[in-house]
Each structure stands twice: as C-alpha cells, then as structure tokens.
Amino acid sequence: MLSHSRCLTRNFGRSLSAIRQGNNVLARRATAALSASHAITLNNNVKCDPRSSVFQIQYFRTSAAYRNEVVTVKTPAFAESVTEGDVRWEKAVGDTVREDEVVCEIETDKTSVQVPSPAAGVIEELLVPDGGRVEGGTPLFKLRKGAGAPKAAEAPKAEAAAAPPPPAAAPPPPPPPPPSAVGPIPTTMPPVPPVPAHAMDTKPVSAIKPTAAAAAPVAHVDGGAKARTESRVKMNRMRLRIAQRLKEAQNTCAMLTTFNEVDMSNITEMRKSYKDAFLKKHNIKLGFMSAFVKAAAYALTDQPAVNAVIDDTSKEIVYRDYVDISVAVATPKGLVVPVIRGVEGMNFTDIEKAINMLGEKARKNELAVEDMDGGTFTISNGGVFGSMFGTPIINPPQSAILGMHGIFDRPVAIGGKVEIRPMMYVALTYDHRLIDGREAVTFLRKIKSVVEDPRVLLLDM
C-alpha cells in the first residue's frame, strides 16, 4: 500500500510538470499511469476520474508580489526642537527616480532634511505644493514602484541603436581646396586636415547654441539701453530664522565690542615647520583655527563669566564648567554654527579633526540639528573672505563671540624698531549686562598671548 501511494504521488507530480511545460505526449503517459487508482481528491474536494481522457485542476493558491504598487511617502520625523518645515521639490510628476534618490528637501529653521525615494519608480502625484509647510508624518507624494525601470533600461539601448547612423553621414567629404591654395604639391595629403574642421562646423548643437545666445545682446543693442529688471525670491526658513535670531540678539543684549591685534609670526612659523609632518600623520591639514579654538577654551576657563549666560525667565546667571565652542560656517543656504563639544579636553589634532568633520558635513548639507544645538561661545572667521575688521553679533543665547579677521603684513614696533609682521585684528563682542569691560579685555588678551606663544598652554600661565 505504501509503495502504491509513492508511485501515485510520483506520477501525479510528473503530470503537473508536464502540463506546465506543455508536453502533451508526456502528459498523456503520466496521466495514463494513474489508472491504477480509483480517484484522486484535490484541495478543493473535487474528484477526478482516472479513466476519463481529460484531467482537470481547478486552482492553486499562491502568494504573488504585486508590481506597480502605489505607495505614499510621508514627511520624516524632525528633531525635538523642530516642528515644521517648507518643501522644495527636486522632482516633478511623471519623473522616474531611483531608489534613495532625493525627491525633495524640507527646509527647517536650522537645517535641510532630504527625503529620498524608498524604491525605484515614477512620481504619481505631489501632495504638497512647492514651498508648502509640512509637519512630521505629513503625506508628501505618491510613488508607483517599478514603473520607470523598464523605460530606464531601454534608454541606453535606444541610444546604442541611434549611434550607428552618424558614421553613415560622415562618408560624403567636402570638396577639397583648390591646388593653387595648397601649394606646389597638390597630390599629397593636404586635403585630409580640412575634413575634421568642416565636420566640427556642421554640428547642429554647436550651431544652434551660439545663435540663441546672440539673440539677447542684439535686442539690448536695438533698444539703445540695457533692460532694468528686478526679481523677487522668497526667503527660505533658514534665512528667516537667522534674521530673527540676529534681531533678537540686538534687542536683548547690551552688545559692546573690544578689539586687539595678534602677531601671527610664531604660529605661522610653527605651521610652516610642521604642516607636512602633521598632514602625513593625521591625514588632515594644520590650520590657524585650532590655535584660536584652543586659546578660546583656555581663556574661557580663566574668565568663567564669558562662558556664562543669563536666564531671562528666572533672572539667574548660569555658569558652565564645560566649553562647547560653535564655529560659524558659511554655506550657500545661510550661516550655520556646528558645535565642537568638550574643547577644554582637546588638543590641536582633536580640534582640527572635529572642524574638518563638521565642515565636510556642512558642505554636503548633512548637518543634523543635534550638531548645532548648544554651544557656550562662538568663533567667526571672516578672514577666509579677506575681512580686515568687523564687529560680530552675539549668537543667542550665548554671551560673547570672537571675530577673527585676515592676516596682513603691517609695520609694528618691536623692541624700539619697526618691523614688518603678519598681524591679525581680533574682536570680542560681549553682553555688557553680564560681562564687564575688565573681564572682556582680560579674556581677549589671554587669547592674544596663547596664539602668539603657544608655550603658555604648557606652562599654564
């Protein structure tokens, strides 16, 4: 009985595979072998007579993966300090996108959040207009999965098929120049050089673009005067937030600025002597920023009032025993201030690595809100743009900001003699409600002494 069942199962399997493959002869043989049994009962309780010439199967239940599925992509969750943002679309309805390709950016008060496509497909519908305001979890767009993949795959084939015709157009050569223009040897190869030159002139793309570009200047000349136009661009949320915070600082703080100058001779010589070895060992460049960040941390521990802040709600002064320095970085979308945390325990190498990492994230627009939260003091380096002198504005809720400027050779009195030295003006803007002039001037002189002679750090002077 057991062997009879095994034989029956084997023949039944063969019949199914034969039916799938369309092999009618093998199907007849396999189904004929089933005559040894009386009947076969399937899942749906339908009995099949083995003596009949027709073998029927109603259905099989299978799980299928549905293609062209439409999914709705929602706004990702924001950080705790961010509640909403404005949408700026990178794609339009009908555009084909790859998996993880950016579809839109959400501009918040502090940073931009990129929204990638969860899968390859086609944009079916945009649920929020360009510039619309969204919160976390708001539906953004509908995506039809896999709809654009075949078209994208066929595009290279179409280009490859279209590529052969250009060589067919190349055979007709232009008439060669007359022998008199060539010289006394007309039978050699001189006619060959004009062929590529003529072919380059007859390219349709290069012929169209100059005419389109030349049309605009002609209109200006005919008019007799240049058109006076203006355009209006909506301020993004980051720029609005920067404007709001800077105005709050002016309205809240009693800002005062004190100045000094730093002789950069020693730090410049140290950088010139060790920059190659520093780059070889740490794979980053040695700059001037690390010296000022470390000097600021040293001066902040010496003058804790500059590192403190006024809590306007409770009318208390908050003193911090840690130093988190914000470094102002200019980006195409606005000014951002990522924070280097725990600077009091860092050396020059640690600071340079942190600055390099934050700068790279800022250039790639990958700064998170957490990278810019906090900060007890800010350093702004306008010298990278050639600034000679300036008064920075406090970054609230901090109480002071250091402004660095360009390094210029100037005559200075050294030991009763005039010498040309690389000098930098530095400015400290502080909240006079909390910081007195004595603390501010002492703080700036401490930075000056450390940068001019870094050995002060080793001697703790």
Protein backbone atom coordinates (compact mmCIF):
# COMPACT_ATOMS: atom_id res chain seq x y z
CA MET A 1 0.00 0.00 0.00
CA LEU A 2 2.87 2.37 0.84
CA SER A 3 4.67 1.67 -2.46
CA HIS A 4 1.39 2.14 -4.33
CA SER A 5 0.98 5.63 -2.75
CA ARG A 6 4.55 6.63 -3.62
CA CYS A 7 4.01 5.59 -7.22
CA LEU A 8 0.76 7.50 -7.36
CA THR A 9 2.42 10.66 -5.94
CA ARG A 10 5.34 10.42 -8.37
CA ASN A 11 3.07 10.06 -11.39
CA PHE A 12 0.86 12.89 -10.21
CA GLY A 13 3.89 15.20 -9.92
CA ARG A 14 5.06 14.26 -13.38
CA SER A 15 1.65 15.04 -14.83
CA LEU A 16 1.66 18.52 -13.26
CA SER A 17 5.13 19.36 -14.56
CA ALA A 18 4.23 18.08 -17.99
CA ILE A 19 1.10 20.18 -18.12
CA ARG A 20 3.11 23.29 -17.11
CA GLN A 21 5.68 22.66 -19.87
CA GLY A 22 3.04 21.98 -22.49
CA ASN A 23 4.34 18.48 -23.30
CA ASN A 24 1.11 16.70 -24.29
CA VAL A 25 2.72 13.31 -25.01
CA LEU A 26 4.38 13.15 -21.61
CA ALA A 27 1.15 14.33 -20.03
CA ARG A 28 -0.79 11.51 -21.61
CA ARG A 29 1.74 8.96 -20.39
CA ALA A 30 1.77 10.33 -16.88
CA THR A 31 -2.00 10.53 -16.61
CA ALA A 32 -2.40 7.04 -18.07
CA ALA A 33 -0.31 5.68 -15.26
CA LEU A 34 -2.89 6.96 -12.80
CA SER A 35 -5.42 4.33 -13.92
CA ALA A 36 -4.22 2.02 -11.16
CA SER A 37 -6.10 4.11 -8.63
CA HIS A 38 -9.80 4.71 -8.37
CA ALA A 39 -9.84 8.50 -7.93
CA ILE A 40 -7.71 11.50 -6.85
CA THR A 41 -9.06 14.07 -4.42
CA LEU A 42 -7.63 17.66 -4.63
CA ASN A 43 -7.59 20.51 -2.16
CA ASN A 44 -10.97 21.75 -3.30
CA ASN A 45 -12.57 18.30 -2.77
CA VAL A 46 -13.18 17.74 -6.50
CA LYS A 47 -12.72 14.09 -7.55
CA CYS A 48 -11.11 13.24 -10.88
CA ASP A 49 -11.89 10.02 -12.67
CA PRO A 50 -8.61 8.43 -13.80
CA ARG A 51 -10.37 6.60 -16.67
CA SER A 52 -11.51 9.85 -18.27
CA SER A 53 -9.36 11.37 -21.04
CA VAL A 54 -9.49 14.88 -19.53
CA PHE A 55 -7.53 15.72 -16.36
CA GLN A 56 -8.81 18.89 -14.60
CA ILE A 57 -7.37 21.02 -11.80
CA GLN A 58 -9.36 23.96 -10.55
CA TYR A 59 -6.72 26.21 -8.95
CA PHE A 60 -3.66 26.52 -6.70
CA ARG A 61 -3.42 29.16 -4.00
CA THR A 62 -0.14 31.11 -4.22
CA SER A 63 1.25 34.38 -2.81
CA ALA A 64 2.14 36.93 -5.53
CA ALA A 65 4.28 40.09 -5.35
CA TYR A 66 2.23 42.94 -6.74
CA ARG A 67 4.06 45.17 -9.20
CA ASN A 68 3.21 48.79 -9.94
CA GLU A 69 2.18 49.25 -6.33
CA VAL A 70 1.49 52.88 -5.39
CA VAL A 71 2.91 53.96 -2.03
CA THR A 72 2.55 57.25 -0.18
CA VAL A 73 5.77 58.74 1.19
CA LYS A 74 5.42 60.81 4.33
CA THR A 75 7.50 63.53 5.95
CA PRO A 76 10.22 62.06 8.20
CA ALA A 77 10.21 62.83 11.89
CA PHE A 78 12.03 66.03 12.88
CA ALA A 79 14.26 66.63 15.87
CA GLU A 80 12.68 67.72 19.14
CA SER A 81 13.46 71.40 18.61
CA VAL A 82 12.00 71.44 15.06
CA THR A 83 8.25 71.21 14.45
CA GLU A 84 7.75 72.12 10.79
CA GLY A 85 9.48 72.93 7.53
CA ASP A 86 8.97 74.11 3.95
CA VAL A 87 9.07 71.69 1.00
CA ARG A 88 11.32 72.35 -2.01
CA TRP A 89 10.72 69.81 -4.79
CA GLU A 90 13.60 68.33 -6.79
CA LYS A 91 11.32 66.12 -8.94
CA ALA A 92 8.01 66.61 -10.75
CA VAL A 93 5.03 64.41 -11.55
CA GLY A 94 6.00 61.75 -14.10
CA ASP A 95 9.71 61.81 -13.29
CA THR A 96 11.48 58.48 -12.95
CA VAL A 97 13.51 58.11 -9.75
CA ARG A 98 15.97 55.54 -8.50
CA GLU A 99 15.97 54.06 -5.03
CA ASP A 100 17.37 56.52 -2.44
CA GLU A 101 17.34 59.37 -4.98
CA VAL A 102 16.37 62.70 -3.39
CA VAL A 103 12.84 63.73 -4.34
CA CYS A 104 12.55 66.86 -2.20
CA GLU A 105 14.20 68.82 0.59
CA ILE A 106 12.44 70.12 3.68
CA GLU A 107 13.98 73.37 4.88
CA THR A 108 13.65 73.87 8.62
CA ASP A 109 14.81 76.67 10.89
CA LYS A 110 18.21 75.06 11.42
CA THR A 111 18.93 72.64 8.59
CA SER A 112 17.57 70.95 5.46
CA VAL A 113 16.19 67.40 5.57
CA GLN A 114 16.44 65.36 2.37
CA VAL A 115 13.58 62.98 1.53
CA PRO A 116 14.78 60.06 -0.66
CA SER A 117 12.65 57.71 -2.74
CA PRO A 118 12.02 54.40 -0.91
CA ALA A 119 12.17 52.45 -4.18
CA ALA A 120 12.68 52.87 -7.92
CA GLY A 121 9.59 54.06 -9.74
CA VAL A 122 7.66 57.04 -11.11
CA ILE A 123 6.26 60.03 -9.24
CA GLU A 124 2.48 59.73 -9.48
CA GLU A 125 1.33 62.78 -7.52
CA LEU A 126 2.74 65.59 -5.38
CA LEU A 127 0.53 66.03 -2.33
CA VAL A 128 2.14 69.28 -1.12
CA PRO A 129 2.82 72.36 -3.31
CA ASP A 130 6.33 73.74 -3.67
CA GLY A 131 7.03 75.92 -0.64
CA GLY A 132 4.22 74.31 1.34
CA ARG A 133 4.56 73.89 5.08
CA VAL A 134 4.62 70.36 6.49
CA GLU A 135 4.99 68.65 9.85
CA GLY A 136 6.34 65.25 10.75
CA GLY A 137 4.21 62.49 9.22
CA THR A 138 2.53 64.68 6.60
CA PRO A 139 2.00 62.81 3.26
CA LEU A 140 4.36 64.24 0.63
CA PHE A 141 3.97 62.34 -2.65
CA LYS A 142 2.75 59.11 -4.25
CA LEU A 143 5.22 56.75 -5.92
CA ARG A 144 4.41 53.93 -8.34
CA LYS A 145 7.03 51.29 -7.68
CA GLY A 146 8.93 49.77 -10.58
CA ALA A 147 7.01 51.68 -13.24
CA GLY A 148 10.02 53.55 -14.59
CA ALA A 149 12.56 50.73 -14.51
CA PRO A 150 11.86 49.26 -17.98
CA LYS A 151 11.98 52.69 -19.63
CA ALA A 152 15.26 53.48 -17.94
CA ALA A 153 16.71 50.17 -19.11
CA GLU A 154 15.53 50.72 -22.69
CA ALA A 155 17.05 54.18 -22.91
CA PRO A 156 20.68 53.00 -23.33
CA LYS A 157 19.55 50.50 -25.98
CA ALA A 158 17.80 53.25 -27.91
CA GLU A 159 20.90 55.40 -27.76
CA ALA A 160 23.06 52.50 -28.87
CA ALA A 161 20.73 51.88 -31.80
CA ALA A 162 20.78 55.55 -32.73
CA ALA A 163 24.56 55.76 -32.53
CA PRO A 164 25.42 53.93 -35.84
CA PRO A 165 23.68 56.47 -38.19
CA PRO A 166 26.25 59.29 -37.61
CA PRO A 167 29.11 57.31 -39.26
CA ALA A 168 26.84 56.91 -42.32
CA ALA A 169 26.64 60.69 -42.64
CA ALA A 170 30.42 61.04 -42.45
CA PRO A 171 31.38 59.44 -45.84
CA PRO A 172 30.39 62.39 -48.07
CA PRO A 173 33.52 64.55 -47.79
CA PRO A 174 33.51 68.25 -48.67
CA PRO A 175 35.21 69.34 -51.88
CA PRO A 176 38.98 69.65 -51.38
CA PRO A 177 40.57 73.09 -51.62
CA PRO A 178 41.99 74.14 -54.99
CA PRO A 179 45.59 73.10 -55.70
CA SER A 180 46.70 76.68 -56.05
CA ALA A 181 45.85 77.37 -52.38
CA VAL A 182 47.68 74.28 -51.18
CA GLY A 183 50.99 74.98 -52.81
CA PRO A 184 53.27 73.30 -55.29
CA ILE A 185 52.44 69.73 -54.05
CA PRO A 186 48.70 69.11 -54.67
CA THR A 187 48.88 65.30 -54.92
CA THR A 188 49.79 64.52 -51.28
CA MET A 189 47.67 64.51 -48.08
CA PRO A 190 46.85 68.21 -47.54
CA PRO A 191 43.11 67.68 -48.30
CA VAL A 192 42.77 65.50 -45.15
CA PRO A 193 43.02 68.28 -42.46
CA PRO A 194 40.01 70.29 -43.74
CA VAL A 195 37.71 67.27 -43.26
CA PRO A 196 37.55 67.34 -39.42
CA ALA A 197 37.41 71.12 -39.41
CA HIS A 198 34.38 71.12 -41.69
CA ALA A 199 32.71 68.33 -39.70
CA MET A 200 33.07 70.26 -36.47
CA ASP A 201 31.46 73.34 -38.03
CA THR A 202 28.42 71.40 -39.21
CA LYS A 203 27.38 70.00 -35.80
CA PRO A 204 23.77 71.08 -35.26
CA VAL A 205 24.07 71.55 -31.49
CA SER A 206 27.01 73.91 -31.66
CA ALA A 207 25.34 75.76 -34.48
CA ILE A 208 22.11 76.35 -32.58
CA LYS A 209 23.51 77.48 -29.23
CA PRO A 210 25.54 80.50 -30.45
CA THR A 211 22.55 81.87 -32.38
CA ALA A 212 20.27 81.57 -29.35
CA ALA A 213 22.82 83.22 -27.08
CA ALA A 214 23.48 86.01 -29.55
CA ALA A 215 19.82 86.90 -29.85
CA ALA A 216 19.64 88.51 -26.40
CA PRO A 217 22.51 91.01 -26.87
CA VAL A 218 21.04 92.10 -30.21
CA ALA A 219 17.79 93.03 -28.51
CA HIS A 220 19.68 95.16 -25.98
CA VAL A 221 21.61 96.94 -28.69
CA ASP A 222 18.47 97.66 -30.68
CA GLY A 223 16.77 99.07 -27.62
CA GLY A 224 19.62 101.51 -27.07
CA ALA A 225 19.84 100.79 -23.31
CA LYS A 226 20.15 97.80 -21.04
CA ALA A 227 16.95 96.49 -19.56
CA ARG A 228 16.47 97.37 -15.88
CA THR A 229 14.84 94.35 -14.29
CA GLU A 230 14.38 93.01 -10.79
CA SER A 231 13.27 89.69 -9.36
CA ARG A 232 11.77 88.57 -6.08
CA VAL A 233 12.81 85.36 -4.32
CA LYS A 234 11.05 84.04 -1.25
CA MET A 235 13.29 83.83 1.82
CA ASN A 236 13.87 80.28 2.94
CA ARG A 237 13.20 79.25 6.52
CA MET A 238 16.87 79.15 7.47
CA ARG A 239 17.45 82.72 6.31
CA LEU A 240 14.29 83.86 8.09
CA ARG A 241 15.44 82.17 11.29
CA ILE A 242 18.91 83.71 11.05
CA ALA A 243 17.39 87.17 10.61
CA GLN A 244 15.05 86.63 13.54
CA ARG A 245 17.80 85.44 15.90
CA LEU A 246 20.19 88.24 14.98
CA LYS A 247 17.50 90.84 15.57
CA GLU A 248 16.62 89.20 18.89
CA ALA A 249 20.28 89.48 19.90
CA GLN A 250 20.30 93.19 19.13
CA ASN A 251 17.05 93.77 21.01
CA THR A 252 18.00 91.69 24.05
CA CYS A 253 21.75 92.03 24.64
CA ALA A 254 23.64 95.18 25.58
CA MET A 255 26.34 94.46 23.00
CA LEU A 256 29.76 96.06 23.23
CA THR A 257 32.88 95.23 21.20
CA THR A 258 36.53 95.39 22.23
CA PHE A 259 39.49 94.94 19.86
CA ASN A 260 43.09 93.80 19.90
CA GLU A 261 45.72 92.64 17.42
CA VAL A 262 47.67 89.40 17.31
CA ASP A 263 51.19 88.90 15.98
CA MET A 264 50.91 85.71 13.92
CA SER A 265 54.68 85.26 13.38
CA ASN A 266 55.20 82.35 15.81
CA ILE A 267 52.08 80.41 14.93
CA THR A 268 52.80 80.91 11.22
CA GLU A 269 56.35 79.63 11.65
CA MET A 270 55.12 76.63 13.65
CA ARG A 271 52.57 75.78 10.99
CA LYS A 272 55.15 76.10 8.23
CA SER A 273 57.58 73.81 10.08
CA TYR A 274 55.15 71.02 10.99
CA LYS A 275 52.34 71.15 8.42
CA ASP A 276 53.81 68.38 6.23
CA ALA A 277 54.51 66.04 9.15
CA PHE A 278 51.08 66.82 10.63
CA LEU A 279 49.36 66.02 7.34
CA LYS A 280 51.32 62.79 6.93
CA LYS A 281 50.49 61.52 10.42
CA HIS A 282 46.88 62.68 10.86
CA ASN A 283 45.77 62.99 7.21
CA ILE A 284 44.40 66.50 7.82
CA LYS A 285 45.87 69.96 7.33
CA LEU A 286 47.09 72.07 10.22
CA GLY A 287 45.33 75.45 10.17
CA PHE A 288 45.09 78.53 12.34
CA MET A 289 41.57 77.78 13.55
CA SER A 290 42.68 75.10 16.02
CA ALA A 291 45.03 77.56 17.74
CA PHE A 292 42.23 80.09 18.28
CA VAL A 293 39.72 77.46 19.41
CA LYS A 294 42.17 76.09 21.97
CA ALA A 295 43.13 79.61 23.08
CA ALA A 296 39.44 80.49 23.50
CA ALA A 297 38.83 77.38 25.62
CA TYR A 298 41.83 78.29 27.78
CA ALA A 299 40.58 81.87 28.19
CA LEU A 300 37.00 80.75 28.94
CA THR A 301 38.16 78.63 31.86
CA ASP A 302 40.15 81.61 33.10
CA GLN A 303 37.18 84.01 32.73
CA PRO A 304 34.03 81.96 33.51
CA ALA A 305 31.75 84.99 33.14
CA VAL A 306 32.35 84.97 29.37
CA ASN A 307 31.26 81.30 29.29
CA ALA A 308 28.11 82.02 31.31
CA VAL A 309 24.63 83.08 30.23
CA ILE A 310 21.68 84.98 31.68
CA ASP A 311 18.45 83.02 32.11
CA ASP A 312 15.87 85.74 31.44
CA THR A 313 12.96 83.65 32.72
CA SER A 314 14.38 83.01 36.18
CA LYS A 315 16.67 86.07 36.26
CA GLU A 316 19.67 83.87 37.11
CA ILE A 317 23.22 83.58 35.80
CA VAL A 318 24.11 80.08 34.58
CA TYR A 319 27.82 79.23 34.85
CA ARG A 320 29.11 76.25 32.85
CA ASP A 321 32.07 74.10 33.82
CA TYR A 322 32.40 72.81 30.24
CA VAL A 323 33.36 74.54 26.99
CA ASP A 324 31.38 73.89 23.79
CA ILE A 325 32.51 76.23 21.02
CA SER A 326 30.32 76.98 18.00
CA VAL A 327 32.23 77.59 14.76
CA ALA A 328 30.42 79.73 12.20
CA VAL A 329 30.42 78.16 8.72
CA ALA A 330 29.07 79.91 5.63
CA THR A 331 27.00 77.70 3.29
CA PRO A 332 25.06 78.56 0.11
CA LYS A 333 21.81 78.40 2.12
CA GLY A 334 22.99 80.55 5.01
CA LEU A 335 25.18 80.68 8.09
CA VAL A 336 25.32 77.57 10.27
CA VAL A 337 27.14 77.13 13.57
CA PRO A 338 28.06 73.50 14.30
CA VAL A 339 29.36 72.87 17.81
CA ILE A 340 32.68 71.37 18.91
CA ARG A 341 31.94 69.84 22.31
CA GLY A 342 34.33 69.40 25.22
CA VAL A 343 37.05 71.62 23.77
CA GLU A 344 38.68 72.06 27.17
CA GLY A 345 39.93 68.45 26.93
CA MET A 346 41.09 68.55 23.30
CA ASN A 347 44.46 69.16 21.71
CA PHE A 348 45.20 70.76 18.34
CA THR A 349 44.78 67.46 16.49
CA ASP A 350 41.39 66.70 18.03
CA ILE A 351 40.16 70.19 17.20
CA GLU A 352 41.35 70.03 13.58
CA LYS A 353 39.63 66.65 13.12
CA ALA A 354 36.38 67.97 14.59
CA ILE A 355 36.47 71.11 12.42
CA ASN A 356 37.23 69.06 9.31
CA MET A 357 34.37 66.63 10.01
CA LEU A 358 31.81 69.37 10.70
CA GLY A 359 32.93 71.40 7.70
CA GLU A 360 32.56 68.38 5.42
CA LYS A 361 29.06 67.71 6.72
CA ALA A 362 28.12 71.36 6.22
CA ARG A 363 29.35 71.36 2.61
CA LYS A 364 27.36 68.18 1.88
CA ASN A 365 24.27 69.56 3.63
CA GLU A 366 24.34 66.68 6.10
CA LEU A 367 24.39 68.65 9.35
CA ALA A 368 21.77 67.46 11.80
CA VAL A 369 20.03 69.67 14.33
CA GLU A 370 21.96 67.91 17.08
CA ASP A 371 25.24 69.14 15.52
CA MET A 372 24.17 72.76 16.08
CA ASP A 373 22.38 72.58 19.40
CA GLY A 374 24.04 74.08 22.47
CA GLY A 375 27.33 75.95 22.41
CA THR A 376 28.67 78.26 25.09
CA PHE A 377 30.83 80.51 22.88
CA THR A 378 31.15 81.25 19.14
CA ILE A 379 34.11 81.95 16.86
CA SER A 380 33.52 83.57 13.46
CA ASN A 381 36.40 83.68 10.97
CA GLY A 382 35.77 86.41 8.43
CA GLY A 383 39.42 86.31 7.47
CA VAL A 384 38.80 83.49 5.00
CA PHE A 385 36.95 86.08 2.86
CA GLY A 386 39.65 88.75 3.29
CA SER A 387 37.94 90.76 6.04
CA MET A 388 40.26 93.20 7.80
CA PHE A 389 37.99 94.48 10.55
CA GLY A 390 34.48 93.85 11.82
CA THR A 391 32.14 93.66 14.79
CA PRO A 392 30.42 90.26 15.09
CA ILE A 393 26.91 89.84 16.52
CA ILE A 394 26.32 87.55 19.51
CA ASN A 395 24.79 84.16 18.78
CA PRO A 396 21.96 83.92 21.35
CA PRO A 397 21.58 82.63 23.99
CA GLN A 398 25.37 82.94 24.33
CA SER A 399 27.03 85.95 25.91
CA ALA A 400 30.05 86.59 23.67
CA ILE A 401 31.54 85.93 20.24
CA LEU A 402 35.10 86.17 18.92
CA GLY A 403 35.69 87.59 15.44
CA MET A 404 38.83 86.59 13.54
CA HIS A 405 39.99 88.55 10.51
CA GLY A 406 42.55 88.42 7.72
CA ILE A 407 46.32 88.23 8.23
CA PHE A 408 48.11 91.21 6.68
CA ASP A 409 51.72 92.36 6.84
CA ARG A 410 51.93 95.61 8.76
CA PRO A 411 54.73 97.67 10.30
CA VAL A 412 54.84 97.25 14.09
CA ALA A 413 57.23 98.46 16.79
CA ILE A 414 59.32 95.55 18.14
CA GLY A 415 62.00 96.38 20.73
CA GLY A 416 62.17 100.00 19.68
CA LYS A 417 62.48 99.13 15.98
CA VAL A 418 59.96 98.99 13.18
CA GLU A 419 59.44 95.51 11.71
CA ILE A 420 57.04 94.03 9.19
CA ARG A 421 54.98 91.33 10.86
CA PRO A 422 51.90 89.28 9.86
CA MET A 423 49.17 90.80 12.02
CA MET A 424 45.51 89.97 12.63
CA TYR A 425 42.85 92.12 14.23
CA VAL A 426 40.54 90.26 16.62
CA ALA A 427 37.24 91.50 18.05
CA LEU A 428 35.21 90.34 21.04
CA THR A 429 31.55 91.31 21.16
CA TYR A 430 30.02 90.61 24.58
CA ASP A 431 26.81 91.14 26.54
CA HIS A 432 27.56 94.04 28.84
CA ARG A 433 24.65 93.04 31.12
CA LEU A 434 26.75 90.10 32.30
CA ILE A 435 30.36 90.78 31.31
CA ASP A 436 32.23 93.86 32.45
CA GLY A 437 34.96 95.54 30.47
CA ARG A 438 37.66 94.13 32.73
CA GLU A 439 36.66 90.52 32.05
CA ALA A 440 36.27 91.18 28.33
CA VAL A 441 39.66 92.84 27.86
CA THR A 442 41.40 90.23 30.04
CA PHE A 443 39.77 87.45 28.04
CA LEU A 444 40.91 88.89 24.71
CA ARG A 445 44.44 89.48 25.97
CA LYS A 446 44.59 85.86 27.14
CA ILE A 447 43.71 84.70 23.62
CA LYS A 448 46.36 87.03 22.21
CA SER A 449 49.08 85.65 24.50
CA VAL A 450 48.26 81.99 23.76
CA VAL A 451 48.18 82.43 19.97
CA GLU A 452 51.35 84.49 19.91
CA ASP A 453 53.20 81.96 22.08
CA PRO A 454 51.53 78.52 22.43
CA ARG A 455 54.05 77.61 25.14
CA VAL A 456 51.75 79.49 27.53
CA LEU A 457 49.43 76.47 27.38
CA LEU A 458 52.22 74.15 28.55
CA LEU A 459 53.20 76.43 31.41
CA ASP A 460 49.56 77.14 32.40
CA MET A 461 50.24 80.87 32.62
